[in-house]
């Protein structure tokens, strides 16, 4: 009986640990960022992410970045008053060249936790914009804005990253973003999804509770 209760306690601890680390899918629309005077303002920390070198803009003042969309969007700016840059200073791009985070528009998790970047809107430009995904300062994924569709939708499904950097976008070629979808489940192509961890743990708990009740009534 005592052994069963110990196992039950252990499984409950695992279940609580799994629940605490569970992340929820979320869409960052930035529509709650509104400036009454139509001026540009630094995004800073926003819903668990630090947006470095990014301001938010109103289409009524700065034009539509995405045709038919008159909601707030982000654009890279020149004066990053806040927050600090991505806290790794020896990062490399896809060609092995150094990238200076202090001179690079980026967004990263404020707590350093990994996330999944499913897709986002990126406005078309006259030149390809490099988009780099990092984890603890190490390059994990890379692409360019040319991979986006005609409507600007760029589907990535990058998992296990903590930052997105846009090198070489300060100057004449900037980057404009909107509607960033994160932490939606991603199933690898050609793989069969495994049973949920919560289902397995729940089944084990039910079995142990049933066993404990039988022993108590015996």
N, C-alpha and C. Protein backbone atom coordinates (compact mmCIF):
# COMPACT_ATOMS: atom_id res chain seq x y z
N UNK A 1 0.82 -1.20 0.00
CA UNK A 1 0.00 0.00 0.00
C UNK A 1 0.86 1.26 0.00
N UNK A 2 1.86 1.27 0.91
CA UNK A 2 2.74 2.43 1.02
C UNK A 2 3.50 2.65 -0.29
N UNK A 3 3.92 1.53 -0.90
CA UNK A 3 4.65 1.64 -2.17
C UNK A 3 3.76 2.22 -3.26
N UNK A 4 2.50 1.80 -3.30
CA UNK A 4 1.57 2.31 -4.30
C UNK A 4 1.35 3.80 -4.13
N UNK A 5 1.23 4.25 -2.87
CA UNK A 5 1.04 5.68 -2.62
C UNK A 5 2.26 6.49 -3.04
N UNK A 6 3.45 5.91 -2.84
CA UNK A 6 4.67 6.62 -3.25
C UNK A 6 4.73 6.77 -4.77
N UNK A 7 4.38 5.69 -5.47
CA UNK A 7 4.36 5.74 -6.93
C UNK A 7 3.33 6.75 -7.41
N UNK A 8 2.16 6.77 -6.74
CA UNK A 8 1.11 7.71 -7.09
C UNK A 8 1.59 9.15 -6.89
N UNK A 9 2.27 9.39 -5.79
CA UNK A 9 2.81 10.73 -5.51
C UNK A 9 3.83 11.15 -6.56
N UNK A 10 4.67 10.19 -6.98
CA UNK A 10 5.68 10.48 -7.99
C UNK A 10 5.04 10.85 -9.33
N UNK A 11 4.01 10.07 -9.72
CA UNK A 11 3.33 10.35 -10.98
C UNK A 11 2.59 11.68 -10.94
N UNK A 12 2.03 12.01 -9.80
CA UNK A 12 1.38 13.32 -9.67
C UNK A 12 2.39 14.45 -9.83
N UNK A 13 3.58 14.28 -9.29
CA UNK A 13 4.63 15.29 -9.44
C UNK A 13 5.02 15.46 -10.90
N UNK A 14 5.13 14.33 -11.63
CA UNK A 14 5.45 14.40 -13.06
C UNK A 14 4.35 15.11 -13.83
N UNK A 15 3.11 14.86 -13.47
CA UNK A 15 1.99 15.49 -14.14
C UNK A 15 1.99 17.00 -13.91
N UNK A 16 2.25 17.42 -12.68
CA UNK A 16 2.32 18.84 -12.37
C UNK A 16 3.48 19.51 -13.09
N UNK A 17 4.61 18.81 -13.18
CA UNK A 17 5.77 19.36 -13.87
C UNK A 17 5.47 19.54 -15.35
N UNK A 18 4.81 18.54 -15.94
CA UNK A 18 4.46 18.64 -17.36
C UNK A 18 3.49 19.77 -17.61
N UNK A 19 2.53 19.93 -16.71
CA UNK A 19 1.55 21.00 -16.87
C UNK A 19 2.18 22.37 -16.75
N UNK A 20 3.16 22.51 -15.85
CA UNK A 20 3.81 23.80 -15.66
C UNK A 20 4.63 24.22 -16.86
N UNK A 21 5.13 23.23 -17.61
CA UNK A 21 5.97 23.55 -18.77
C UNK A 21 5.17 23.60 -20.07
N UNK A 22 3.86 23.36 -19.99
CA UNK A 22 3.03 23.35 -21.19
C UNK A 22 2.84 24.77 -21.69
N UNK A 23 3.01 24.98 -23.00
CA UNK A 23 2.86 26.30 -23.58
C UNK A 23 1.59 26.35 -24.41
N UNK A 24 1.01 27.51 -24.49
CA UNK A 24 -0.24 27.69 -25.19
C UNK A 24 -0.01 28.40 -26.52
N UNK A 25 -0.76 27.98 -27.51
CA UNK A 25 -0.71 28.65 -28.81
C UNK A 25 -1.24 30.08 -28.63
N UNK A 26 -0.64 30.99 -29.35
CA UNK A 26 -1.01 32.40 -29.21
C UNK A 26 -0.77 33.13 -30.52
N UNK A 27 -1.56 34.15 -30.77
CA UNK A 27 -1.40 35.01 -31.94
C UNK A 27 -1.10 36.43 -31.48
N UNK A 28 0.02 36.97 -31.91
CA UNK A 28 0.38 38.35 -31.59
C UNK A 28 -0.08 39.23 -32.74
N UNK A 29 -1.12 40.03 -32.50
CA UNK A 29 -1.67 40.89 -33.56
C UNK A 29 -1.23 42.34 -33.42
N UNK A 30 -0.84 42.75 -32.20
CA UNK A 30 -0.38 44.11 -31.90
C UNK A 30 -1.49 45.15 -32.04
N UNK A 31 -2.74 44.70 -32.16
CA UNK A 31 -3.83 45.64 -32.34
C UNK A 31 -4.14 46.45 -31.08
N UNK A 32 -3.62 45.99 -29.93
CA UNK A 32 -3.82 46.75 -28.71
C UNK A 32 -2.77 47.85 -28.54
N UNK A 33 -1.82 47.93 -29.47
CA UNK A 33 -0.83 49.00 -29.44
C UNK A 33 -1.32 50.12 -30.35
N UNK A 34 -1.83 51.17 -29.74
CA UNK A 34 -2.41 52.27 -30.51
C UNK A 34 -1.85 53.58 -29.98
N UNK A 35 -1.38 54.43 -30.89
CA UNK A 35 -0.88 55.76 -30.51
C UNK A 35 -1.93 56.79 -30.91
N UNK A 36 -2.32 57.62 -29.95
CA UNK A 36 -3.37 58.60 -30.20
C UNK A 36 -2.95 59.67 -31.20
N UNK A 37 -1.64 59.95 -31.26
CA UNK A 37 -1.17 60.99 -32.17
C UNK A 37 -0.62 60.43 -33.47
N UNK A 38 -0.66 59.10 -33.64
CA UNK A 38 -0.20 58.50 -34.88
C UNK A 38 1.30 58.41 -35.02
N UNK A 39 2.05 58.77 -33.96
CA UNK A 39 3.50 58.73 -34.02
C UNK A 39 4.02 57.31 -33.81
N UNK A 40 5.30 57.10 -34.13
CA UNK A 40 5.93 55.81 -33.89
C UNK A 40 6.35 55.70 -32.44
N UNK A 41 6.14 54.52 -31.85
CA UNK A 41 6.56 54.28 -30.48
C UNK A 41 7.22 52.92 -30.40
N UNK A 42 8.22 52.82 -29.53
CA UNK A 42 8.95 51.57 -29.35
C UNK A 42 8.03 50.49 -28.77
N UNK A 43 8.14 49.28 -29.34
CA UNK A 43 7.32 48.17 -28.86
C UNK A 43 7.79 47.72 -27.49
N UNK A 44 9.11 47.52 -27.34
CA UNK A 44 9.66 47.06 -26.07
C UNK A 44 9.26 45.63 -25.76
N UNK A 45 8.91 45.35 -24.50
CA UNK A 45 8.47 44.02 -24.10
C UNK A 45 6.97 43.88 -24.38
N UNK A 46 6.63 42.80 -25.04
CA UNK A 46 5.23 42.61 -25.43
C UNK A 46 4.86 41.15 -25.34
N UNK A 47 4.00 40.81 -24.39
CA UNK A 47 3.44 39.46 -24.23
C UNK A 47 4.51 38.38 -24.23
N UNK A 48 5.53 38.60 -23.41
CA UNK A 48 6.57 37.59 -23.23
C UNK A 48 7.72 37.67 -24.21
N UNK A 49 7.70 38.66 -25.10
CA UNK A 49 8.77 38.83 -26.08
C UNK A 49 9.34 40.24 -26.00
N UNK A 50 10.65 40.32 -26.24
CA UNK A 50 11.31 41.61 -26.35
C UNK A 50 11.50 41.91 -27.84
N UNK A 51 10.97 43.05 -28.28
CA UNK A 51 11.09 43.47 -29.67
C UNK A 51 12.13 44.59 -29.74
N UNK A 52 13.29 44.23 -30.27
CA UNK A 52 14.42 45.15 -30.30
C UNK A 52 14.51 45.80 -31.68
N UNK A 53 14.68 47.12 -31.68
CA UNK A 53 14.72 47.89 -32.94
C UNK A 53 13.39 47.84 -33.69
N UNK A 54 12.30 47.71 -32.95
CA UNK A 54 10.98 47.69 -33.60
C UNK A 54 10.07 48.76 -32.99
N UNK A 55 9.37 49.49 -33.85
CA UNK A 55 8.31 50.40 -33.46
C UNK A 55 6.99 49.84 -33.97
N UNK A 56 5.89 50.35 -33.41
CA UNK A 56 4.60 49.99 -33.97
C UNK A 56 4.02 51.20 -34.71
N UNK A 57 3.33 50.91 -35.81
CA UNK A 57 2.87 51.97 -36.70
C UNK A 57 1.38 51.83 -36.99
N UNK A 58 0.76 52.95 -37.27
CA UNK A 58 -0.65 52.98 -37.64
C UNK A 58 -0.76 53.16 -39.15
N UNK A 59 -1.53 52.33 -39.84
CA UNK A 59 -1.68 52.48 -41.29
C UNK A 59 -2.21 53.85 -41.70
N UNK A 60 -3.02 54.47 -40.83
CA UNK A 60 -3.56 55.79 -41.16
C UNK A 60 -2.47 56.86 -41.22
N UNK A 61 -1.35 56.61 -40.52
CA UNK A 61 -0.26 57.58 -40.50
C UNK A 61 0.90 57.19 -41.41
N UNK A 62 1.14 55.88 -41.55
CA UNK A 62 2.32 55.42 -42.28
C UNK A 62 1.98 54.53 -43.47
N UNK A 63 0.71 54.42 -43.79
CA UNK A 63 0.31 53.60 -44.93
C UNK A 63 0.17 52.14 -44.55
N UNK A 64 -0.50 51.38 -45.40
CA UNK A 64 -0.72 49.95 -45.15
C UNK A 64 0.51 49.14 -45.54
N UNK A 65 0.99 48.34 -44.60
CA UNK A 65 2.09 47.42 -44.92
C UNK A 65 1.55 46.20 -45.65
N UNK A 66 0.29 45.85 -45.34
CA UNK A 66 -0.34 44.69 -45.95
C UNK A 66 -1.66 45.15 -46.57
N UNK A 67 -1.84 44.99 -47.87
CA UNK A 67 -3.03 45.50 -48.56
C UNK A 67 -4.33 45.06 -47.91
N UNK A 68 -5.20 46.02 -47.66
CA UNK A 68 -6.49 45.73 -47.07
C UNK A 68 -6.50 45.59 -45.57
N UNK A 69 -5.35 45.70 -44.95
CA UNK A 69 -5.24 45.56 -43.49
C UNK A 69 -4.94 46.93 -42.89
N UNK A 70 -5.88 47.47 -42.16
CA UNK A 70 -5.69 48.79 -41.57
C UNK A 70 -5.44 48.74 -40.06
N UNK A 71 -4.86 47.61 -39.61
CA UNK A 71 -4.55 47.46 -38.19
C UNK A 71 -3.07 47.74 -37.94
N UNK A 72 -2.72 47.84 -36.67
CA UNK A 72 -1.35 48.15 -36.26
C UNK A 72 -0.38 47.06 -36.72
N UNK A 73 0.81 47.48 -37.14
CA UNK A 73 1.86 46.54 -37.51
C UNK A 73 3.19 47.05 -36.96
N UNK A 74 4.23 46.23 -37.06
CA UNK A 74 5.56 46.60 -36.56
C UNK A 74 6.48 46.93 -37.73
N UNK A 75 7.40 47.83 -37.49
CA UNK A 75 8.43 48.11 -38.49
C UNK A 75 9.74 48.39 -37.79
N UNK A 76 10.83 47.96 -38.44
CA UNK A 76 12.15 48.18 -37.86
C UNK A 76 12.46 49.67 -37.88
N UNK A 77 13.11 50.12 -36.82
CA UNK A 77 13.39 51.54 -36.65
C UNK A 77 14.89 51.75 -36.40
N UNK A 78 15.27 53.01 -36.18
CA UNK A 78 16.69 53.34 -36.03
C UNK A 78 17.11 53.53 -34.58
N UNK A 79 16.18 53.73 -33.68
CA UNK A 79 16.56 54.10 -32.32
C UNK A 79 15.97 53.13 -31.31
N UNK A 80 16.76 52.11 -30.93
CA UNK A 80 16.26 51.10 -29.99
C UNK A 80 16.42 51.54 -28.54
N UNK A 81 15.55 52.46 -28.09
CA UNK A 81 15.67 52.93 -26.72
C UNK A 81 15.49 51.80 -25.71
N UNK A 82 14.69 50.85 -26.05
CA UNK A 82 14.44 49.69 -25.21
C UNK A 82 13.85 48.60 -26.09
N UNK A 83 13.92 47.35 -25.69
CA UNK A 83 14.67 46.76 -24.57
C UNK A 83 16.11 46.51 -25.00
N UNK A 84 16.92 45.79 -24.20
CA UNK A 84 18.28 45.44 -24.63
C UNK A 84 18.25 44.45 -25.78
N UNK A 85 19.33 44.33 -26.53
CA UNK A 85 19.38 43.38 -27.65
C UNK A 85 19.44 41.93 -27.17
N UNK A 86 19.29 41.01 -28.11
CA UNK A 86 19.43 39.59 -27.84
C UNK A 86 20.75 39.35 -27.09
N UNK A 87 20.70 38.69 -25.92
CA UNK A 87 21.87 38.67 -25.03
C UNK A 87 22.96 37.67 -25.40
N UNK A 88 23.28 37.56 -26.68
CA UNK A 88 24.41 36.74 -27.11
C UNK A 88 25.17 37.57 -28.15
N UNK A 89 26.47 37.67 -27.99
CA UNK A 89 27.23 38.63 -28.79
C UNK A 89 28.20 37.99 -29.77
N UNK A 90 28.10 36.70 -29.96
CA UNK A 90 28.98 36.02 -30.91
C UNK A 90 28.18 35.10 -31.81
N UNK A 91 27.07 35.61 -32.34
CA UNK A 91 26.22 34.77 -33.17
C UNK A 91 26.66 34.84 -34.62
N UNK A 92 26.38 33.77 -35.37
CA UNK A 92 26.77 33.68 -36.77
C UNK A 92 25.53 33.52 -37.64
N UNK A 93 25.63 33.98 -38.90
CA UNK A 93 24.51 33.79 -39.81
C UNK A 93 24.65 32.46 -40.55
N UNK A 94 23.81 32.22 -41.56
CA UNK A 94 23.81 30.95 -42.27
C UNK A 94 25.06 30.73 -43.10
N UNK A 95 25.82 31.78 -43.33
CA UNK A 95 27.08 31.67 -44.08
C UNK A 95 28.31 31.68 -43.18
N UNK A 96 28.10 31.66 -41.88
CA UNK A 96 29.21 31.68 -40.94
C UNK A 96 29.76 33.06 -40.66
N UNK A 97 29.07 34.09 -41.13
CA UNK A 97 29.52 35.46 -40.88
C UNK A 97 28.95 35.97 -39.56
N UNK A 98 29.71 36.79 -38.85
CA UNK A 98 29.23 37.30 -37.56
C UNK A 98 28.05 38.25 -37.73
N UNK A 99 27.15 38.19 -36.77
CA UNK A 99 25.99 39.09 -36.72
C UNK A 99 26.04 39.81 -35.38
N UNK A 100 25.91 41.13 -35.41
CA UNK A 100 25.93 41.92 -34.19
C UNK A 100 24.49 42.16 -33.73
N UNK A 101 24.04 41.47 -32.66
CA UNK A 101 22.65 41.65 -32.21
C UNK A 101 22.31 43.08 -31.82
N UNK A 102 23.32 43.87 -31.41
CA UNK A 102 23.05 45.24 -31.02
C UNK A 102 22.72 46.14 -32.20
N UNK A 103 22.97 45.64 -33.42
CA UNK A 103 22.67 46.40 -34.63
C UNK A 103 21.67 45.66 -35.52
N UNK A 104 20.90 44.78 -34.91
CA UNK A 104 20.02 43.91 -35.70
C UNK A 104 18.61 43.88 -35.11
N UNK A 105 17.60 44.25 -35.89
CA UNK A 105 16.22 44.08 -35.42
C UNK A 105 15.95 42.62 -35.06
N UNK A 106 15.26 42.41 -33.97
CA UNK A 106 15.03 41.04 -33.51
C UNK A 106 13.86 41.00 -32.55
N UNK A 107 13.36 39.80 -32.30
CA UNK A 107 12.48 39.59 -31.16
C UNK A 107 12.84 38.25 -30.53
N UNK A 108 12.80 38.20 -29.20
CA UNK A 108 13.22 37.02 -28.45
C UNK A 108 12.42 36.92 -27.17
N UNK A 109 12.38 35.71 -26.59
CA UNK A 109 11.62 35.51 -25.37
C UNK A 109 12.32 36.18 -24.19
N UNK A 110 11.55 36.85 -23.37
CA UNK A 110 12.14 37.59 -22.24
C UNK A 110 12.64 36.66 -21.14
N UNK A 111 12.09 35.43 -21.07
CA UNK A 111 12.53 34.50 -20.04
C UNK A 111 13.54 33.47 -20.55
N UNK A 112 13.93 33.59 -21.83
CA UNK A 112 14.90 32.67 -22.39
C UNK A 112 14.36 31.32 -22.78
N UNK A 113 13.05 31.11 -22.61
CA UNK A 113 12.45 29.81 -22.94
C UNK A 113 12.28 29.67 -24.45
N UNK A 114 12.33 28.44 -24.93
CA UNK A 114 12.15 28.18 -26.35
C UNK A 114 10.68 28.29 -26.72
N UNK A 115 10.43 28.60 -27.99
CA UNK A 115 9.07 28.66 -28.50
C UNK A 115 9.04 28.14 -29.92
N UNK A 116 7.86 27.96 -30.45
CA UNK A 116 7.66 27.56 -31.84
C UNK A 116 7.12 28.74 -32.62
N UNK A 117 7.79 29.08 -33.71
CA UNK A 117 7.30 30.13 -34.60
C UNK A 117 6.62 29.45 -35.78
N UNK A 118 5.28 29.48 -35.79
CA UNK A 118 4.54 28.81 -36.84
C UNK A 118 4.49 29.63 -38.12
N UNK A 119 4.04 30.86 -38.01
CA UNK A 119 3.98 31.72 -39.19
C UNK A 119 3.84 33.17 -38.78
N UNK A 120 4.01 34.06 -39.74
CA UNK A 120 3.86 35.49 -39.50
C UNK A 120 3.69 36.19 -40.83
N UNK A 121 3.21 37.41 -40.77
CA UNK A 121 3.11 38.24 -41.96
C UNK A 121 4.35 39.11 -42.05
N UNK A 122 4.97 39.13 -43.22
CA UNK A 122 6.13 39.99 -43.45
C UNK A 122 5.91 40.70 -44.78
N UNK A 123 5.98 42.01 -44.75
CA UNK A 123 5.68 42.80 -45.94
C UNK A 123 6.74 42.59 -47.01
N UNK A 124 6.33 42.51 -48.28
CA UNK A 124 7.30 42.33 -49.38
C UNK A 124 8.17 43.56 -49.53
N UNK A 125 9.43 43.34 -49.92
CA UNK A 125 10.37 44.43 -50.13
C UNK A 125 11.08 44.20 -51.46
N UNK A 126 11.89 45.19 -51.85
CA UNK A 126 12.63 45.08 -53.11
C UNK A 126 13.81 44.14 -53.00
N UNK A 127 14.19 43.76 -51.79
CA UNK A 127 15.32 42.86 -51.58
C UNK A 127 14.93 41.76 -50.60
N UNK A 128 15.59 40.61 -50.70
CA UNK A 128 15.31 39.50 -49.78
C UNK A 128 15.83 39.84 -48.39
N UNK A 129 15.00 39.62 -47.40
CA UNK A 129 15.37 39.85 -46.01
C UNK A 129 15.72 38.51 -45.37
N UNK A 130 16.91 38.41 -44.80
CA UNK A 130 17.30 37.19 -44.10
C UNK A 130 16.55 37.09 -42.78
N UNK A 131 16.07 35.88 -42.47
CA UNK A 131 15.35 35.64 -41.23
C UNK A 131 16.02 34.45 -40.56
N UNK A 132 16.58 34.68 -39.38
CA UNK A 132 17.40 33.67 -38.72
C UNK A 132 16.80 33.32 -37.36
N UNK A 133 16.70 32.00 -37.08
CA UNK A 133 16.21 31.53 -35.80
C UNK A 133 17.33 30.97 -34.95
N UNK A 134 17.40 31.40 -33.68
CA UNK A 134 18.49 31.00 -32.78
C UNK A 134 17.95 30.34 -31.51
N UNK A 135 18.83 29.56 -30.91
CA UNK A 135 18.59 29.00 -29.58
C UNK A 135 19.87 29.13 -28.79
N UNK A 136 19.84 29.92 -27.72
CA UNK A 136 21.03 30.17 -26.90
C UNK A 136 22.20 30.67 -27.74
N UNK A 137 21.92 31.51 -28.71
CA UNK A 137 22.98 32.11 -29.53
C UNK A 137 23.47 31.25 -30.67
N UNK A 138 22.90 30.06 -30.84
CA UNK A 138 23.32 29.16 -31.91
C UNK A 138 22.25 29.15 -33.01
N UNK A 139 22.66 29.31 -34.25
CA UNK A 139 21.73 29.32 -35.36
C UNK A 139 21.06 27.95 -35.51
N UNK A 140 19.73 27.95 -35.59
CA UNK A 140 18.97 26.72 -35.71
C UNK A 140 18.28 26.63 -37.07
N UNK A 141 17.67 27.73 -37.52
CA UNK A 141 16.94 27.75 -38.78
C UNK A 141 17.21 29.06 -39.51
N UNK A 142 17.00 29.04 -40.82
CA UNK A 142 17.17 30.27 -41.60
C UNK A 142 16.32 30.20 -42.86
N UNK A 143 15.89 31.37 -43.32
CA UNK A 143 15.17 31.50 -44.56
C UNK A 143 15.24 32.96 -44.98
N UNK A 144 14.49 33.34 -46.00
CA UNK A 144 14.41 34.74 -46.42
C UNK A 144 12.95 35.11 -46.62
N UNK A 145 12.70 36.39 -46.75
CA UNK A 145 11.34 36.88 -46.96
C UNK A 145 10.76 36.42 -48.29
N UNK A 146 11.61 35.96 -49.21
CA UNK A 146 11.13 35.50 -50.51
C UNK A 146 10.29 34.22 -50.38
N UNK A 147 10.38 33.55 -49.24
CA UNK A 147 9.59 32.33 -49.02
C UNK A 147 8.14 32.63 -48.66
N UNK A 148 7.83 33.91 -48.43
CA UNK A 148 6.46 34.29 -48.09
C UNK A 148 5.56 34.25 -49.32
N UNK A 149 4.28 34.06 -49.08
CA UNK A 149 3.31 34.05 -50.17
C UNK A 149 2.99 35.46 -50.63
N UNK A 150 2.15 35.59 -51.65
CA UNK A 150 1.79 36.91 -52.19
C UNK A 150 1.15 37.83 -51.16
N UNK A 151 0.46 37.23 -50.18
CA UNK A 151 -0.18 38.03 -49.15
C UNK A 151 0.75 38.34 -47.98
N UNK A 152 2.01 37.90 -48.06
CA UNK A 152 2.98 38.15 -47.00
C UNK A 152 3.05 37.07 -45.95
N UNK A 153 2.22 36.03 -46.06
CA UNK A 153 2.23 34.97 -45.05
C UNK A 153 3.48 34.10 -45.22
N UNK A 154 4.27 34.04 -44.18
CA UNK A 154 5.48 33.22 -44.17
C UNK A 154 5.29 32.10 -43.16
N UNK A 155 5.16 30.87 -43.66
CA UNK A 155 4.98 29.70 -42.81
C UNK A 155 6.34 29.06 -42.53
N UNK A 156 6.67 28.91 -41.24
CA UNK A 156 7.99 28.40 -40.84
C UNK A 156 7.91 27.11 -40.03
N UNK A 157 7.09 27.11 -38.98
CA UNK A 157 6.99 25.96 -38.06
C UNK A 157 8.37 25.60 -37.48
N UNK A 158 9.10 26.62 -37.08
CA UNK A 158 10.39 26.43 -36.42
C UNK A 158 10.15 26.14 -34.95
N UNK A 159 10.74 25.07 -34.45
CA UNK A 159 10.56 24.70 -33.05
C UNK A 159 11.89 24.86 -32.30
N UNK A 160 11.76 25.02 -30.98
CA UNK A 160 12.95 25.06 -30.13
C UNK A 160 13.85 26.25 -30.33
N UNK A 161 13.29 27.41 -30.68
CA UNK A 161 14.10 28.62 -30.83
C UNK A 161 13.74 29.60 -29.72
N UNK A 162 14.64 30.55 -29.46
CA UNK A 162 14.33 31.58 -28.48
C UNK A 162 14.47 32.99 -29.05
N UNK A 163 14.84 33.10 -30.34
CA UNK A 163 15.00 34.42 -30.93
C UNK A 163 14.91 34.36 -32.44
N UNK A 164 14.44 35.47 -33.03
CA UNK A 164 14.43 35.68 -34.46
C UNK A 164 15.19 36.97 -34.75
N UNK A 165 16.19 36.89 -35.63
CA UNK A 165 16.98 38.06 -36.01
C UNK A 165 16.81 38.36 -37.49
N UNK A 166 16.81 39.64 -37.81
CA UNK A 166 16.68 40.10 -39.20
C UNK A 166 17.92 40.93 -39.55
N UNK A 167 19.03 40.29 -39.90
CA UNK A 167 20.27 41.05 -40.17
C UNK A 167 20.15 41.89 -41.44
N UNK A 168 20.95 42.95 -41.47
CA UNK A 168 21.04 43.82 -42.65
C UNK A 168 19.70 44.45 -43.02
N UNK A 169 18.90 44.81 -42.02
CA UNK A 169 17.64 45.47 -42.32
C UNK A 169 17.57 46.87 -41.73
N UNK A 170 18.69 47.40 -41.31
CA UNK A 170 18.73 48.80 -40.87
C UNK A 170 19.27 49.62 -42.03
N UNK A 171 18.48 50.56 -42.50
CA UNK A 171 18.89 51.36 -43.64
C UNK A 171 17.76 51.49 -44.63
N UNK A 172 18.05 51.30 -45.89
CA UNK A 172 17.02 51.50 -46.90
C UNK A 172 16.02 50.34 -46.97
N UNK A 173 16.44 49.15 -46.57
CA UNK A 173 15.54 47.99 -46.58
C UNK A 173 15.17 47.65 -45.14
N UNK A 174 13.91 47.91 -44.77
CA UNK A 174 13.45 47.62 -43.44
C UNK A 174 12.57 46.38 -43.44
N UNK A 175 12.08 46.01 -42.27
CA UNK A 175 11.21 44.84 -42.15
C UNK A 175 9.94 45.27 -41.45
N UNK A 176 8.80 44.83 -41.98
CA UNK A 176 7.49 45.12 -41.41
C UNK A 176 6.79 43.80 -41.11
N UNK A 177 6.29 43.68 -39.88
CA UNK A 177 5.71 42.41 -39.40
C UNK A 177 4.31 42.61 -38.86
N UNK A 178 3.55 41.53 -38.86
CA UNK A 178 2.23 41.54 -38.25
C UNK A 178 1.78 40.09 -38.05
N UNK A 179 0.82 39.89 -37.16
CA UNK A 179 0.14 38.61 -36.93
C UNK A 179 1.12 37.44 -36.84
N UNK A 180 1.81 37.38 -35.71
CA UNK A 180 2.78 36.32 -35.46
C UNK A 180 2.11 35.20 -34.67
N UNK A 181 2.05 34.00 -35.25
CA UNK A 181 1.45 32.85 -34.58
C UNK A 181 2.54 31.97 -33.97
N UNK A 182 2.40 31.65 -32.70
CA UNK A 182 3.42 30.90 -31.98
C UNK A 182 2.81 29.72 -31.23
N UNK A 183 3.66 28.71 -31.03
CA UNK A 183 3.39 27.56 -30.16
C UNK A 183 2.18 26.71 -30.56
N UNK A 184 1.84 26.71 -31.84
CA UNK A 184 0.86 25.74 -32.31
C UNK A 184 1.57 24.40 -32.51
N UNK A 185 0.89 23.29 -32.24
CA UNK A 185 1.54 21.97 -32.38
C UNK A 185 2.05 21.74 -33.79
N UNK A 186 3.23 21.17 -33.88
CA UNK A 186 3.84 20.86 -35.17
C UNK A 186 4.11 19.37 -35.23
N UNK A 187 3.54 18.68 -36.20
CA UNK A 187 3.75 17.25 -36.38
C UNK A 187 4.73 17.03 -37.52
N UNK A 188 5.87 16.39 -37.27
CA UNK A 188 6.84 16.14 -38.34
C UNK A 188 6.21 15.39 -39.50
N UNK A 189 6.59 15.75 -40.71
CA UNK A 189 6.06 15.11 -41.90
C UNK A 189 6.45 13.63 -41.93
N UNK A 190 5.48 12.76 -42.17
CA UNK A 190 5.75 11.33 -42.30
C UNK A 190 5.79 10.59 -40.98
N UNK A 191 5.57 11.30 -39.86
CA UNK A 191 5.61 10.62 -38.57
C UNK A 191 4.20 10.38 -38.05
N UNK A 192 4.05 9.37 -37.19
CA UNK A 192 2.76 9.07 -36.59
C UNK A 192 2.76 9.64 -35.18
N UNK A 193 1.81 10.54 -34.86
CA UNK A 193 1.79 11.14 -33.52
C UNK A 193 1.71 10.08 -32.43
N UNK A 194 2.51 10.25 -31.38
CA UNK A 194 2.50 9.34 -30.25
C UNK A 194 1.36 9.71 -29.31
N UNK A 195 0.87 8.76 -28.47
CA UNK A 195 -0.18 9.11 -27.50
C UNK A 195 0.30 10.22 -26.58
N UNK A 196 -0.63 11.04 -26.17
CA UNK A 196 -0.29 12.18 -25.33
C UNK A 196 0.31 11.73 -24.00
N UNK A 197 1.29 12.50 -23.54
CA UNK A 197 1.91 12.21 -22.24
C UNK A 197 0.88 12.30 -21.12
N UNK A 198 -0.04 13.27 -21.27
CA UNK A 198 -1.05 13.43 -20.22
C UNK A 198 -2.00 12.22 -20.18
N UNK A 199 -2.31 11.65 -21.33
CA UNK A 199 -3.18 10.48 -21.36
C UNK A 199 -2.51 9.30 -20.68
N UNK A 200 -1.21 9.10 -20.97
CA UNK A 200 -0.47 8.00 -20.36
C UNK A 200 -0.38 8.16 -18.85
N UNK A 201 -0.06 9.38 -18.41
CA UNK A 201 0.04 9.62 -16.98
C UNK A 201 -1.32 9.46 -16.32
N UNK A 202 -2.37 9.94 -16.99
CA UNK A 202 -3.71 9.81 -16.42
C UNK A 202 -4.13 8.37 -16.26
N UNK A 203 -3.81 7.55 -17.27
CA UNK A 203 -4.14 6.12 -17.19
C UNK A 203 -3.42 5.46 -16.03
N UNK A 204 -2.14 5.80 -15.86
CA UNK A 204 -1.38 5.24 -14.74
C UNK A 204 -1.94 5.64 -13.40
N UNK A 205 -2.37 6.89 -13.29
CA UNK A 205 -2.94 7.38 -12.03
C UNK A 205 -4.25 6.65 -11.71
N UNK A 206 -5.09 6.48 -12.72
CA UNK A 206 -6.35 5.78 -12.51
C UNK A 206 -6.10 4.37 -12.03
N UNK A 207 -5.12 3.69 -12.65
CA UNK A 207 -4.80 2.34 -12.24
C UNK A 207 -4.30 2.26 -10.82
N UNK A 208 -3.44 3.18 -10.42
CA UNK A 208 -2.91 3.17 -9.06
C UNK A 208 -3.97 3.50 -8.03
N UNK A 209 -4.86 4.45 -8.36
CA UNK A 209 -5.94 4.78 -7.42
C UNK A 209 -6.86 3.57 -7.22
N UNK A 210 -7.17 2.88 -8.31
CA UNK A 210 -8.02 1.68 -8.22
C UNK A 210 -7.36 0.61 -7.35
N UNK A 211 -6.04 0.42 -7.56
CA UNK A 211 -5.31 -0.57 -6.77
C UNK A 211 -5.30 -0.21 -5.30
N UNK A 212 -5.10 1.09 -5.02
CA UNK A 212 -5.06 1.52 -3.63
C UNK A 212 -6.40 1.32 -2.94
N UNK A 213 -7.50 1.58 -3.65
CA UNK A 213 -8.83 1.41 -3.07
C UNK A 213 -9.11 -0.07 -2.76
N UNK A 214 -8.69 -0.94 -3.67
CA UNK A 214 -8.91 -2.37 -3.45
C UNK A 214 -8.17 -2.86 -2.22
N UNK A 215 -6.92 -2.37 -2.05
CA UNK A 215 -6.13 -2.81 -0.90
C UNK A 215 -6.71 -2.25 0.42
N UNK A 216 -7.26 -1.04 0.35
CA UNK A 216 -7.84 -0.46 1.55
C UNK A 216 -9.11 -1.20 1.96
N UNK A 217 -9.88 -1.65 0.96
CA UNK A 217 -11.13 -2.34 1.27
C UNK A 217 -10.91 -3.80 1.62
N UNK A 218 -9.70 -4.33 1.34
CA UNK A 218 -9.43 -5.75 1.61
C UNK A 218 -9.23 -6.00 3.10
